[in-house]
């Protein structure tokens, strides 16, 4: 659970920045990472 609290914001920021570099930009939501963390525990 502690690892999820550290990893979710970090992954969100990294993926958000990575996805902005594509020609067809898309956005991601923070709640998708939250659902993944809940399902993983």
Protein backbone atom coordinates (compact mmCIF):
# COMPACT_ATOMS: atom_id res chain seq x y z
CA UNK A 1 0.00 0.00 0.00
CA UNK A 2 2.84 2.39 0.80
CA UNK A 3 4.48 1.55 -2.52
CA UNK A 4 1.24 2.46 -4.32
CA UNK A 5 1.14 5.83 -2.60
CA UNK A 6 4.64 6.54 -3.88
CA UNK A 7 4.24 5.01 -7.34
CA UNK A 8 0.86 6.40 -8.41
CA UNK A 9 1.80 10.11 -8.48
CA UNK A 10 5.19 9.35 -10.01
CA UNK A 11 3.71 7.18 -12.77
CA UNK A 12 0.95 9.69 -13.44
CA UNK A 13 3.44 12.52 -13.96
CA UNK A 14 5.77 10.44 -16.11
CA UNK A 15 2.99 9.05 -18.31
CA UNK A 16 1.32 12.45 -18.63
CA UNK A 17 4.56 14.02 -19.86
CA UNK A 18 5.27 11.09 -22.19
CA UNK A 19 1.80 11.16 -23.77
CA UNK A 20 2.02 14.90 -24.43
CA UNK A 21 4.88 14.33 -26.91
CA UNK A 22 2.74 12.39 -29.39
CA UNK A 23 1.23 14.01 -32.49
CA UNK A 24 -2.27 13.04 -31.33
CA UNK A 25 -2.19 14.01 -27.67
CA UNK A 26 -4.36 12.17 -25.22
CA UNK A 27 -5.00 12.63 -21.55
CA UNK A 28 -5.10 10.22 -18.65
CA UNK A 29 -7.01 10.39 -15.41
CA UNK A 30 -5.62 9.90 -11.93
CA UNK A 31 -8.47 7.57 -11.03
CA UNK A 32 -7.28 4.90 -13.49
CA UNK A 33 -4.15 4.49 -11.39
CA UNK A 34 -6.24 4.42 -8.22
CA UNK A 35 -8.44 1.65 -9.54
CA UNK A 36 -5.39 -0.34 -10.61
CA UNK A 37 -3.89 0.01 -7.13
CA UNK A 38 -7.12 -1.10 -5.45
CA UNK A 39 -7.44 -4.11 -7.75
CA UNK A 40 -3.81 -5.07 -7.14
CA UNK A 41 -4.22 -5.19 -3.35
